[in-house]
């Protein structure tokens, strides 16, 4: 149970002991060859991981979040008076279909990340240890606030990012972090390996592909506890088209429903290979998405006590654009 195991009043509590567990995993490169990474636990053992947490006693926090939520959704949704809140226009099973996400692919990616990322080069080993020992990263990971963090290398961007290849140290780090979070039941972790989806024919291609996966993962984890009454015909059709604006709107709606229906919870999202999205083809969509997610995080953080949402991004190259949207203490640059 994720939420019920959170210590004290903190929704998210990543202690020094947990950091030591992660560091030992990275140093000793010990992992299983079976599907034990976070997405496997979330999907295959979904029923066992659903929390029994109760709704927060502080109703004002919930009301404040939904006031913010409604403010951001109001401009592109139908009149609430015309909606039937008791009868959503789409069932979760149909929403899964229009998100066009293959669960087996996600499971396989994370399995391979742990299997073939277990023996990074000395340089790669140094980089992953540098992350976990960084005071910036520890501050991000140990805080009880909803926020975003980015890790980059000091290697200049070459103009293009290669497609799927050997598992990088940053990819392995993201998988190890997810595994640690899942095994310690601190948070529900969701990862996406963007470098594995560089073909235009892939439904998970581009920034919209990342949002498809993130929405899919949230829906998978909390299927029977989400209220989908916020979805109208326009949102359903937009999500089916893969519209960036509609996928962001869906994400905000799902997060709001999690706050309303699940209660105290902690979620982490890790985008691996974010340099893919800094190409000329995706940079505008990427910056819009980062700005939108940061606003969502601020709204969630204003209602502490209900949900902690942390988003991390790893860049195999020096970020050219996204870093301008991050505070200096939320940027970690790894040396070569």
Protein backbone atom coordinates (compact mmCIF):
# COMPACT_ATOMS: atom_id res chain seq x y z
CA UNK A 1 0.00 0.00 0.00
CA UNK A 2 1.60 3.25 -1.09
CA UNK A 3 -0.25 5.90 0.85
CA UNK A 4 -0.88 3.99 4.06
CA UNK A 5 2.83 3.35 4.55
CA UNK A 6 3.87 6.99 4.44
CA UNK A 7 5.46 7.96 7.71
CA UNK A 8 3.98 10.66 9.92
CA UNK A 9 2.13 13.48 8.22
CA UNK A 10 4.34 13.50 5.15
CA UNK A 11 2.80 12.18 1.96
CA UNK A 12 6.24 11.61 0.46
CA UNK A 13 9.12 10.54 2.70
CA UNK A 14 12.37 9.47 1.03
CA UNK A 15 14.76 9.10 3.96
CA UNK A 16 18.53 8.77 4.20
CA UNK A 17 18.01 5.04 4.61
CA UNK A 18 16.16 4.94 1.29
CA UNK A 19 18.94 6.91 -0.37
CA UNK A 20 21.42 4.37 0.97
CA UNK A 21 19.34 1.56 -0.53
CA UNK A 22 19.36 3.29 -3.91
CA UNK A 23 23.07 4.06 -3.71
CA UNK A 24 23.87 0.43 -2.85
CA UNK A 25 21.80 -0.71 -5.80
CA UNK A 26 23.72 1.63 -8.09
CA UNK A 27 27.14 0.82 -6.63
CA UNK A 28 26.72 -2.93 -6.40
CA UNK A 29 24.64 -3.19 -9.58
CA UNK A 30 22.44 -5.81 -8.00
CA UNK A 31 19.12 -6.42 -9.64
CA UNK A 32 16.83 -9.21 -10.71
CA UNK A 33 16.53 -10.47 -14.25
CA UNK A 34 12.76 -10.78 -13.87
CA UNK A 35 10.04 -8.16 -14.23
CA UNK A 36 10.52 -6.45 -10.88
CA UNK A 37 10.81 -2.87 -11.98
CA UNK A 38 8.08 -0.49 -10.95
CA UNK A 39 5.84 -0.67 -14.01
CA UNK A 40 5.65 -4.44 -13.71
CA UNK A 41 4.55 -4.19 -10.09
CA UNK A 42 1.98 -1.56 -10.97
CA UNK A 43 0.47 -3.46 -13.87
CA UNK A 44 0.68 -7.14 -12.98
CA UNK A 45 0.04 -6.75 -9.24
CA UNK A 46 -2.28 -3.80 -9.66
CA UNK A 47 -4.95 -5.04 -7.26
CA UNK A 48 -2.44 -5.61 -4.47
CA UNK A 49 -1.02 -2.11 -4.74
CA UNK A 50 -4.25 -0.12 -4.65
CA UNK A 51 -4.23 1.88 -1.48
CA UNK A 52 -6.93 1.99 1.17
CA UNK A 53 -6.13 5.54 2.19
CA UNK A 54 -8.99 7.78 3.22
CA UNK A 55 -9.92 11.25 2.11
CA UNK A 56 -8.11 14.13 3.79
CA UNK A 57 -9.88 15.66 6.74
CA UNK A 58 -8.90 19.10 5.54
CA UNK A 59 -11.68 19.69 3.03
CA UNK A 60 -10.45 23.21 2.32
CA UNK A 61 -7.34 21.76 0.67
CA UNK A 62 -9.45 19.69 -1.70
CA UNK A 63 -11.73 22.60 -2.48
CA UNK A 64 -8.75 24.85 -3.17
CA UNK A 65 -7.24 22.37 -5.61
CA UNK A 66 -10.46 21.92 -7.53
CA UNK A 67 -10.99 25.65 -7.70
CA UNK A 68 -7.56 25.91 -9.33
CA UNK A 69 -8.29 22.88 -11.49
CA UNK A 70 -11.56 24.32 -12.73
CA UNK A 71 -9.91 27.64 -13.48
CA UNK A 72 -7.44 25.97 -15.86
CA UNK A 73 -10.03 23.73 -17.52
CA UNK A 74 -12.80 26.30 -17.82
CA UNK A 75 -11.64 27.80 -21.11
CA UNK A 76 -11.88 24.58 -23.13
CA UNK A 77 -14.56 22.44 -21.60
CA UNK A 78 -18.31 22.26 -21.92
CA UNK A 79 -20.62 24.02 -19.50
CA UNK A 80 -20.57 22.01 -16.24
CA UNK A 81 -24.34 22.41 -16.08
CA UNK A 82 -24.70 20.26 -19.21
CA UNK A 83 -22.61 17.41 -17.81
CA UNK A 84 -24.02 14.39 -16.04
CA UNK A 85 -21.48 13.80 -13.29
CA UNK A 86 -22.95 10.42 -12.45
CA UNK A 87 -22.65 9.07 -15.98
CA UNK A 88 -19.25 9.71 -17.58
CA UNK A 89 -19.29 9.81 -21.36
CA UNK A 90 -16.46 7.32 -21.58
CA UNK A 91 -15.50 4.25 -19.58
CA UNK A 92 -11.94 3.54 -18.48
CA UNK A 93 -11.74 0.56 -20.83
CA UNK A 94 -12.47 2.79 -23.83
CA UNK A 95 -10.07 5.46 -22.63
CA UNK A 96 -7.32 2.83 -22.52
CA UNK A 97 -7.98 2.09 -26.18
CA UNK A 98 -7.82 5.67 -27.44
CA UNK A 99 -4.57 6.30 -25.55
CA UNK A 100 -2.97 3.70 -27.89
CA UNK A 101 -0.37 2.55 -25.37
CA UNK A 102 1.07 -0.96 -25.37
CA UNK A 103 1.57 -2.14 -21.79
CA UNK A 104 3.83 -5.02 -22.83
CA UNK A 105 6.24 -2.60 -24.50
CA UNK A 106 6.46 -0.52 -21.33
CA UNK A 107 7.15 -3.59 -19.22
CA UNK A 108 9.81 -4.87 -21.61
CA UNK A 109 11.59 -1.50 -21.74
CA UNK A 110 12.05 -1.33 -18.01
CA UNK A 111 13.07 -4.94 -17.75
CA UNK A 112 15.80 -4.35 -20.33
CA UNK A 113 16.88 -1.17 -18.58
CA UNK A 114 17.59 -3.12 -15.43
CA UNK A 115 19.05 -6.18 -17.16
CA UNK A 116 21.38 -4.45 -19.57
CA UNK A 117 22.12 -1.36 -17.53
CA UNK A 118 23.64 -3.31 -14.69
CA UNK A 119 27.24 -2.85 -15.77
CA UNK A 120 27.80 0.74 -16.86
CA UNK A 121 31.25 1.96 -17.80
CA UNK A 122 33.42 3.57 -15.08
CA UNK A 123 32.33 6.95 -16.42
CA UNK A 124 28.68 5.91 -16.33
CA UNK A 125 29.07 4.46 -12.85
CA UNK A 126 30.59 7.73 -11.68
CA UNK A 127 27.69 9.68 -13.17
CA UNK A 128 24.94 7.71 -11.48
CA UNK A 129 26.71 7.98 -8.13
CA UNK A 130 27.18 11.70 -8.75
CA UNK A 131 23.42 12.06 -9.06
CA UNK A 132 22.55 10.32 -5.83
CA UNK A 133 25.28 12.13 -3.92
CA UNK A 134 24.24 15.53 -5.23
CA UNK A 135 22.74 17.78 -2.56
CA UNK A 136 20.43 19.26 -5.20
CA UNK A 137 18.99 15.88 -6.08
CA UNK A 138 18.71 14.81 -2.45
CA UNK A 139 16.85 18.00 -1.65
CA UNK A 140 14.43 17.37 -4.52
CA UNK A 141 13.94 13.72 -3.61
CA UNK A 142 13.57 14.22 0.14
CA UNK A 143 11.28 17.22 0.09
CA UNK A 144 7.56 16.81 0.70
CA UNK A 145 6.65 19.20 -2.10
CA UNK A 146 5.43 18.71 -5.65
CA UNK A 147 8.20 19.86 -7.96
CA UNK A 148 10.22 19.16 -11.09
CA UNK A 149 13.92 18.35 -11.42
CA UNK A 150 16.25 17.86 -14.37
CA UNK A 151 19.57 16.05 -14.81
CA UNK A 152 21.77 16.80 -17.82
CA UNK A 153 25.31 16.03 -18.92
CA UNK A 154 27.81 18.65 -20.06
CA UNK A 155 28.06 17.03 -23.50
CA UNK A 156 26.89 19.48 -26.20
CA UNK A 157 23.83 18.58 -28.24
CA UNK A 158 24.85 17.30 -31.67
CA UNK A 159 21.73 18.29 -33.56
CA UNK A 160 20.03 14.89 -33.41
CA UNK A 161 19.53 12.10 -30.92
CA UNK A 162 20.17 8.49 -31.95
CA UNK A 163 17.36 5.97 -31.71
CA UNK A 164 17.25 2.92 -29.44
CA UNK A 165 20.69 1.67 -28.47
CA UNK A 166 22.63 0.46 -25.42
CA UNK A 167 21.09 1.32 -22.07
CA UNK A 168 22.65 4.56 -20.87
CA UNK A 169 23.69 5.25 -17.26
CA UNK A 170 20.86 7.79 -16.94
CA UNK A 171 18.33 5.25 -18.18
CA UNK A 172 19.60 2.72 -15.67
CA UNK A 173 19.45 5.32 -12.91
CA UNK A 174 15.81 6.12 -13.70
CA UNK A 175 14.90 2.42 -13.63
CA UNK A 176 16.79 1.88 -10.36
CA UNK A 177 15.06 4.87 -8.77
CA UNK A 178 11.65 3.55 -9.83
CA UNK A 179 12.49 0.11 -8.46
CA UNK A 180 13.58 1.60 -5.12
CA UNK A 181 10.43 3.72 -4.82
CA UNK A 182 8.20 0.77 -5.63
CA UNK A 183 9.92 -1.70 -3.33
CA UNK A 184 9.88 0.71 -0.39
CA UNK A 185 6.27 1.71 -1.15
CA UNK A 186 7.17 5.40 -0.87
CA UNK A 187 5.47 6.42 -4.10
CA UNK A 188 3.90 5.12 -7.26
CA UNK A 189 6.62 5.55 -9.93
CA UNK A 190 6.01 6.02 -13.65
CA UNK A 191 8.87 6.09 -16.17
CA UNK A 192 9.03 6.73 -19.91
CA UNK A 193 12.01 5.97 -22.16
CA UNK A 194 11.61 8.49 -24.96
CA UNK A 195 14.70 7.27 -26.84
CA UNK A 196 12.87 4.03 -27.60
CA UNK A 197 10.12 5.84 -29.47
CA UNK A 198 11.76 7.83 -32.26
CA UNK A 199 9.79 6.44 -35.21
CA UNK A 200 6.97 8.66 -36.54
CA UNK A 201 4.83 5.52 -36.92
CA UNK A 202 5.09 4.79 -33.19
CA UNK A 203 1.92 5.92 -31.30
CA UNK A 204 4.26 6.93 -28.46
CA UNK A 205 6.36 9.17 -30.72
CA UNK A 206 7.02 12.72 -29.60
CA UNK A 207 5.86 14.77 -26.62
CA UNK A 208 2.29 13.62 -27.18
CA UNK A 209 3.55 10.03 -26.85
CA UNK A 210 4.97 10.80 -23.42
CA UNK A 211 1.66 12.30 -22.32
CA UNK A 212 -0.23 9.29 -23.69
CA UNK A 213 1.92 7.02 -21.56
CA UNK A 214 1.67 9.16 -18.43
CA UNK A 215 -2.12 9.31 -18.68
CA UNK A 216 -2.22 5.57 -19.39
CA UNK A 217 -0.08 4.79 -16.34
CA UNK A 218 -2.25 6.91 -14.06
CA UNK A 219 -5.37 5.27 -15.44
CA UNK A 220 -3.86 1.81 -15.04
CA UNK A 221 -2.89 2.39 -11.42
CA UNK A 222 -6.16 3.94 -10.27
CA UNK A 223 -8.66 2.49 -12.78
CA UNK A 224 -11.65 1.79 -10.54
CA UNK A 225 -11.11 4.79 -8.30
CA UNK A 226 -11.17 7.57 -10.87
CA UNK A 227 -14.15 9.78 -11.63
CA UNK A 228 -14.11 10.42 -15.39
CA UNK A 229 -17.14 12.69 -15.41
CA UNK A 230 -14.90 15.63 -16.35
CA UNK A 231 -14.50 14.13 -19.83
CA UNK A 232 -16.73 15.60 -22.53
CA UNK A 233 -16.97 14.88 -26.26
CA UNK A 234 -14.37 17.50 -27.13
CA UNK A 235 -11.84 16.05 -24.70
CA UNK A 236 -12.48 12.48 -25.82
CA UNK A 237 -12.07 13.38 -29.49
CA UNK A 238 -8.96 15.46 -28.80
CA UNK A 239 -7.28 12.68 -26.84
CA UNK A 240 -8.08 10.22 -29.64
CA UNK A 241 -6.36 12.59 -32.11
CA UNK A 242 -3.33 12.90 -29.86
CA UNK A 243 -3.84 16.64 -29.38
CA UNK A 244 -1.22 18.00 -26.99
CA UNK A 245 -3.65 20.44 -25.37
CA UNK A 246 -6.23 17.72 -24.79
CA UNK A 247 -3.69 15.25 -23.41
CA UNK A 248 -2.56 17.92 -20.94
CA UNK A 249 -6.17 18.61 -20.04
CA UNK A 250 -6.75 14.89 -19.49
CA UNK A 251 -3.69 14.74 -17.22
CA UNK A 252 -4.97 17.61 -15.12
CA UNK A 253 -8.38 15.97 -14.89
CA UNK A 254 -6.93 12.62 -13.81
CA UNK A 255 -4.73 14.26 -11.18
CA UNK A 256 -7.75 16.13 -9.86
CA UNK A 257 -9.72 12.89 -9.72
CA UNK A 258 -6.88 11.18 -7.85
CA UNK A 259 -6.94 13.96 -5.26
CA UNK A 260 -10.71 13.63 -4.94
CA UNK A 261 -11.04 9.84 -4.96
CA UNK A 262 -7.76 8.39 -3.69
CA UNK A 263 -6.79 10.79 -0.95
CA UNK A 264 -3.23 10.96 0.35
CA UNK A 265 -0.90 9.68 -2.33
CA UNK A 266 2.57 10.17 -3.81
CA UNK A 267 3.46 9.82 -7.49
CA UNK A 268 6.78 10.20 -9.29
CA UNK A 269 7.26 10.52 -13.05
CA UNK A 270 10.65 10.13 -14.74
CA UNK A 271 11.19 11.13 -18.38
CA UNK A 272 14.35 9.47 -19.68
CA UNK A 273 16.15 10.77 -22.76
CA UNK A 274 14.49 14.19 -22.75
CA UNK A 275 17.06 15.53 -25.25
CA UNK A 276 14.92 13.87 -27.95
CA UNK A 277 12.32 16.56 -27.33
CA UNK A 278 14.75 19.45 -27.79
CA UNK A 279 15.03 18.87 -31.52
CA UNK A 280 13.51 21.49 -33.79
CA UNK A 281 10.58 19.15 -34.41
CA UNK A 282 9.47 18.92 -30.78
CA UNK A 283 10.94 21.84 -28.86
CA UNK A 284 7.82 24.04 -28.96
CA UNK A 285 5.53 21.24 -27.78
CA UNK A 286 8.09 20.30 -25.14
CA UNK A 287 8.37 23.79 -23.68
CA UNK A 288 4.58 24.19 -23.62
CA UNK A 289 4.30 20.86 -21.81
CA UNK A 290 6.99 21.68 -19.26
CA UNK A 291 5.36 25.04 -18.49
CA UNK A 292 1.94 23.38 -18.16
CA UNK A 293 3.30 20.66 -15.86
CA UNK A 294 5.02 23.23 -13.68
CA UNK A 295 1.72 25.07 -13.27
CA UNK A 296 0.03 21.79 -12.38
CA UNK A 297 2.74 21.09 -9.79
CA UNK A 298 2.24 24.52 -8.24
CA UNK A 299 -1.49 23.88 -7.99
CA UNK A 300 -0.95 20.47 -6.43
CA UNK A 301 1.65 21.83 -4.02
CA UNK A 302 -0.75 24.52 -2.85
CA UNK A 303 -2.86 21.70 -1.44
CA UNK A 304 -0.20 19.84 0.52
CA UNK A 305 -1.49 16.93 2.51
CA UNK A 306 -3.42 15.34 -0.36
CA UNK A 307 -0.90 14.56 -3.10
CA UNK A 308 2.80 14.89 -3.77
CA UNK A 309 3.71 14.75 -7.45
CA UNK A 310 7.35 14.77 -8.50
CA UNK A 311 8.54 14.91 -12.10
CA UNK A 312 12.14 14.23 -13.10
CA UNK A 313 13.76 14.57 -16.52
CA UNK A 314 17.12 13.25 -17.68
CA UNK A 315 18.97 14.76 -20.65
CA UNK A 316 21.86 12.78 -22.20
CA UNK A 317 23.09 16.09 -23.61
CA UNK A 318 23.19 19.63 -22.26
CA UNK A 319 19.69 21.03 -22.36
CA UNK A 320 19.32 23.83 -24.90
CA UNK A 321 15.84 25.09 -24.06
CA UNK A 322 14.08 23.42 -21.13
CA UNK A 323 16.71 24.42 -18.57
CA UNK A 324 15.53 28.02 -18.93
CA UNK A 325 12.28 27.00 -17.26
CA UNK A 326 13.99 25.51 -14.19
CA UNK A 327 15.35 27.22 -11.10
CA UNK A 328 19.13 26.72 -10.66
CA UNK A 329 18.62 24.48 -7.63
CA UNK A 330 16.49 22.16 -9.77
CA UNK A 331 19.21 21.57 -12.39
CA UNK A 332 22.02 19.06 -11.99
CA UNK A 333 24.75 19.04 -14.64
CA UNK A 334 26.94 15.94 -14.68
CA UNK A 335 30.58 16.18 -15.71
CA UNK A 336 32.01 14.02 -18.47
